[in-house]
């Protein structure tokens, strides 16, 4: 019954039963028997603490990262050995080190992240990536004021690079980080891989 829950938004904040708010804002994906949560709003931390999920996908923004209940919930989720995928700002949050400028992060995946690696919003772009783990067909990647992976440290596997060799996706154990937004395309291969 693979389910990805996305953007519960205002409905979740107004709804006392977060499970119902999440259900109302879900989309199906073919991901076997896993139940996956995808959050980038205020509902995320409460949902992770309340619902027995198999995995979480965090496309974090600055406001969410600063919520006092968010980081402990994510750390507890990681400590339970559950998979986490961080996209864009979620990559920065999961990184061991952050540059340009330096900032605190959770240090869960052994990468060094470079914030806003390509410039400001107007330098956002889309490109086709060769990602062998997903098969021969290129993956259309959407980069929005994106970070880059400046370095993958020991034990971290590089999954994708741009033509200039900039690392844009990596995996370490049950942690997956992408500089781009796979959720903004109709191609579900990255989420299936996760």
Protein backbone atom coordinates (compact mmCIF):
# COMPACT_ATOMS: atom_id res chain seq x y z
CA UNK A 1 0.00 0.00 0.00
CA UNK A 2 2.82 2.48 -0.60
CA UNK A 3 1.72 5.98 0.36
CA UNK A 4 3.61 9.25 0.29
CA UNK A 5 2.12 12.03 2.37
CA UNK A 6 2.77 15.54 1.12
CA UNK A 7 2.21 19.09 2.28
CA UNK A 8 -0.42 18.76 4.94
CA UNK A 9 -0.27 22.56 5.30
CA UNK A 10 -3.04 24.59 6.88
CA UNK A 11 -5.40 21.62 7.00
CA UNK A 12 -3.01 19.84 9.38
CA UNK A 13 -2.64 22.83 11.66
CA UNK A 14 -6.42 23.19 11.91
CA UNK A 15 -7.09 19.46 12.21
CA UNK A 16 -6.75 17.99 15.72
CA UNK A 17 -6.26 14.49 14.30
CA UNK A 18 -3.00 14.76 12.35
CA UNK A 19 -3.44 11.29 10.90
CA UNK A 20 -6.62 12.43 9.16
CA UNK A 21 -4.95 15.62 7.94
CA UNK A 22 -2.11 13.59 6.47
CA UNK A 23 -4.49 11.11 4.86
CA UNK A 24 -6.36 13.96 3.20
CA UNK A 25 -3.12 15.23 1.66
CA UNK A 26 -1.62 11.97 0.39
CA UNK A 27 -0.78 10.68 -3.06
CA UNK A 28 -0.18 7.05 -3.96
CA UNK A 29 3.22 5.85 -5.11
CA UNK A 30 4.25 2.32 -5.97
CA UNK A 31 6.75 1.61 -3.23
CA UNK A 32 5.92 -1.96 -2.20
CA UNK A 33 4.70 -2.37 1.35
CA UNK A 34 6.48 0.68 2.76
CA UNK A 35 4.54 3.57 4.17
CA UNK A 36 6.54 6.71 3.46
CA UNK A 37 5.95 10.18 4.85
CA UNK A 38 6.92 13.23 2.86
CA UNK A 39 6.66 16.49 4.79
CA UNK A 40 7.84 20.02 4.38
CA UNK A 41 5.53 21.84 6.76
CA UNK A 42 4.64 22.19 10.43
CA UNK A 43 2.81 18.88 10.59
CA UNK A 44 5.99 16.87 9.97
CA UNK A 45 7.46 16.59 13.46
CA UNK A 46 4.17 15.76 15.12
CA UNK A 47 3.38 13.17 12.46
CA UNK A 48 6.76 11.43 12.79
CA UNK A 49 6.32 11.27 16.55
CA UNK A 50 2.77 9.89 16.30
CA UNK A 51 2.69 7.54 13.32
CA UNK A 52 4.61 4.32 12.83
CA UNK A 53 6.14 4.99 9.42
CA UNK A 54 8.69 3.01 7.46
CA UNK A 55 10.54 6.03 6.04
CA UNK A 56 10.52 9.83 5.88
CA UNK A 57 11.34 12.28 3.13
CA UNK A 58 12.26 15.77 4.31
CA UNK A 59 12.20 18.71 1.91
CA UNK A 60 12.88 21.17 4.70
CA UNK A 61 12.67 24.91 4.75
CA UNK A 62 14.35 27.23 7.22
CA UNK A 63 11.19 27.79 9.27
CA UNK A 64 10.65 24.06 9.72
CA UNK A 65 14.29 23.43 10.65
CA UNK A 66 14.02 26.01 13.44
CA UNK A 67 10.90 24.50 15.01
CA UNK A 68 11.85 23.14 18.44
CA UNK A 69 9.94 19.87 17.92
CA UNK A 70 11.28 19.09 14.44
CA UNK A 71 14.94 18.20 15.07
CA UNK A 72 14.29 15.90 18.07
CA UNK A 73 11.58 14.07 16.12
CA UNK A 74 13.88 13.53 13.16
CA UNK A 75 16.76 12.40 15.40
CA UNK A 76 14.44 9.94 17.16
CA UNK A 77 13.27 8.66 13.79
CA UNK A 78 16.90 8.16 12.67
CA UNK A 79 17.85 6.49 15.99
CA UNK A 80 15.09 3.94 15.35
CA UNK A 81 16.99 2.92 12.18
CA UNK A 82 14.37 4.25 9.77
CA UNK A 83 15.29 5.53 6.30
CA UNK A 84 15.38 9.28 5.68
CA UNK A 85 15.66 11.07 2.35
CA UNK A 86 16.61 14.75 2.36
CA UNK A 87 16.02 16.84 -0.77
CA UNK A 88 17.48 20.32 -1.34
CA UNK A 89 17.39 22.00 2.12
CA UNK A 90 16.78 18.52 3.55
CA UNK A 91 20.23 17.56 2.21
CA UNK A 92 21.72 20.49 4.13
CA UNK A 93 19.93 19.45 7.31
CA UNK A 94 21.19 15.85 7.11
CA UNK A 95 24.81 16.77 6.17
CA UNK A 96 27.80 16.27 8.45
CA UNK A 97 29.21 19.69 7.49
CA UNK A 98 27.74 22.77 5.82
CA UNK A 99 29.67 25.50 3.96
CA UNK A 100 28.87 28.86 2.31
CA UNK A 101 28.04 29.85 5.01
CA UNK A 102 28.62 27.36 7.79
CA UNK A 103 25.57 26.42 9.83
CA UNK A 104 24.54 23.73 12.28
CA UNK A 105 23.22 20.48 10.83
CA UNK A 106 22.31 17.05 12.16
CA UNK A 107 25.44 15.31 10.86
CA UNK A 108 23.56 12.15 9.92
CA UNK A 109 25.10 11.56 6.47
CA UNK A 110 28.85 11.91 5.84
CA UNK A 111 28.75 14.67 3.25
CA UNK A 112 29.80 18.30 3.16
CA UNK A 113 26.99 20.44 1.75
CA UNK A 114 27.50 23.77 0.00
CA UNK A 115 24.47 26.05 0.33
CA UNK A 116 23.13 27.90 -2.74
CA UNK A 117 25.91 26.37 -4.84
CA UNK A 118 24.58 27.73 -8.14
CA UNK A 119 23.55 31.20 -7.03
CA UNK A 120 20.23 32.83 -6.28
CA UNK A 121 16.69 31.85 -7.29
CA UNK A 122 17.13 33.10 -10.86
CA UNK A 123 19.96 30.59 -11.37
CA UNK A 124 17.61 27.66 -10.72
CA UNK A 125 17.70 25.11 -13.56
CA UNK A 126 16.62 21.71 -14.85
CA UNK A 127 18.81 19.04 -16.41
CA UNK A 128 18.96 15.36 -17.30
CA UNK A 129 21.09 13.22 -14.97
CA UNK A 130 22.63 9.83 -15.55
CA UNK A 131 21.87 7.85 -12.39
CA UNK A 132 23.00 4.22 -12.88
CA UNK A 133 21.06 3.06 -9.80
CA UNK A 134 17.83 4.09 -11.58
CA UNK A 135 18.61 2.42 -14.91
CA UNK A 136 19.70 3.68 -18.31
CA UNK A 137 17.02 6.33 -18.83
CA UNK A 138 18.19 9.82 -17.70
CA UNK A 139 16.41 11.38 -14.72
CA UNK A 140 15.00 14.89 -15.18
CA UNK A 141 16.24 16.87 -12.17
CA UNK A 142 14.88 20.20 -10.95
CA UNK A 143 17.33 22.41 -9.03
CA UNK A 144 15.79 25.37 -7.17
CA UNK A 145 18.33 27.59 -5.38
CA UNK A 146 20.00 24.27 -4.79
CA UNK A 147 22.87 23.13 -2.65
CA UNK A 148 25.63 20.85 -3.91
CA UNK A 149 27.58 18.09 -2.24
CA UNK A 150 31.11 19.48 -1.95
CA UNK A 151 32.48 16.19 -0.63
CA UNK A 152 31.37 12.64 0.09
CA UNK A 153 33.34 11.24 3.01
CA UNK A 154 34.17 7.58 3.74
CA UNK A 155 31.22 5.23 3.60
CA UNK A 156 29.11 7.51 1.44
CA UNK A 157 28.18 6.43 -2.10
CA UNK A 158 27.90 9.00 -4.90
CA UNK A 159 24.71 8.41 -6.90
CA UNK A 160 24.73 11.34 -9.36
CA UNK A 161 26.92 14.14 -10.67
CA UNK A 162 26.40 17.02 -13.05
CA UNK A 163 28.46 17.18 -16.25
CA UNK A 164 31.02 19.35 -14.41
CA UNK A 165 31.47 16.55 -11.80
CA UNK A 166 29.54 18.39 -9.06
CA UNK A 167 27.99 15.76 -6.78
CA UNK A 168 24.20 16.13 -6.52
CA UNK A 169 23.01 12.86 -4.93
CA UNK A 170 24.50 10.48 -2.38
CA UNK A 171 23.54 7.56 -0.18
CA UNK A 172 24.87 6.20 3.10
CA UNK A 173 23.07 3.23 4.55
CA UNK A 174 19.43 4.21 5.02
CA UNK A 175 20.10 7.89 4.33
CA UNK A 176 19.65 9.42 0.89
CA UNK A 177 20.36 13.05 -0.04
CA UNK A 178 19.65 14.94 -3.27
CA UNK A 179 20.41 18.54 -4.20
CA UNK A 180 17.44 18.48 -6.57
CA UNK A 181 13.69 17.93 -6.14
CA UNK A 182 12.63 14.51 -7.49
CA UNK A 183 9.09 15.19 -6.23
CA UNK A 184 8.66 17.97 -8.82
CA UNK A 185 8.68 15.55 -11.73
CA UNK A 186 6.32 12.78 -12.85
CA UNK A 187 9.20 10.28 -12.62
CA UNK A 188 8.80 8.19 -9.45
CA UNK A 189 12.02 6.17 -9.92
CA UNK A 190 13.97 8.04 -7.23
CA UNK A 191 11.23 7.54 -4.67
CA UNK A 192 10.95 3.87 -5.60
CA UNK A 193 14.71 3.53 -5.21
CA UNK A 194 14.49 5.14 -1.78
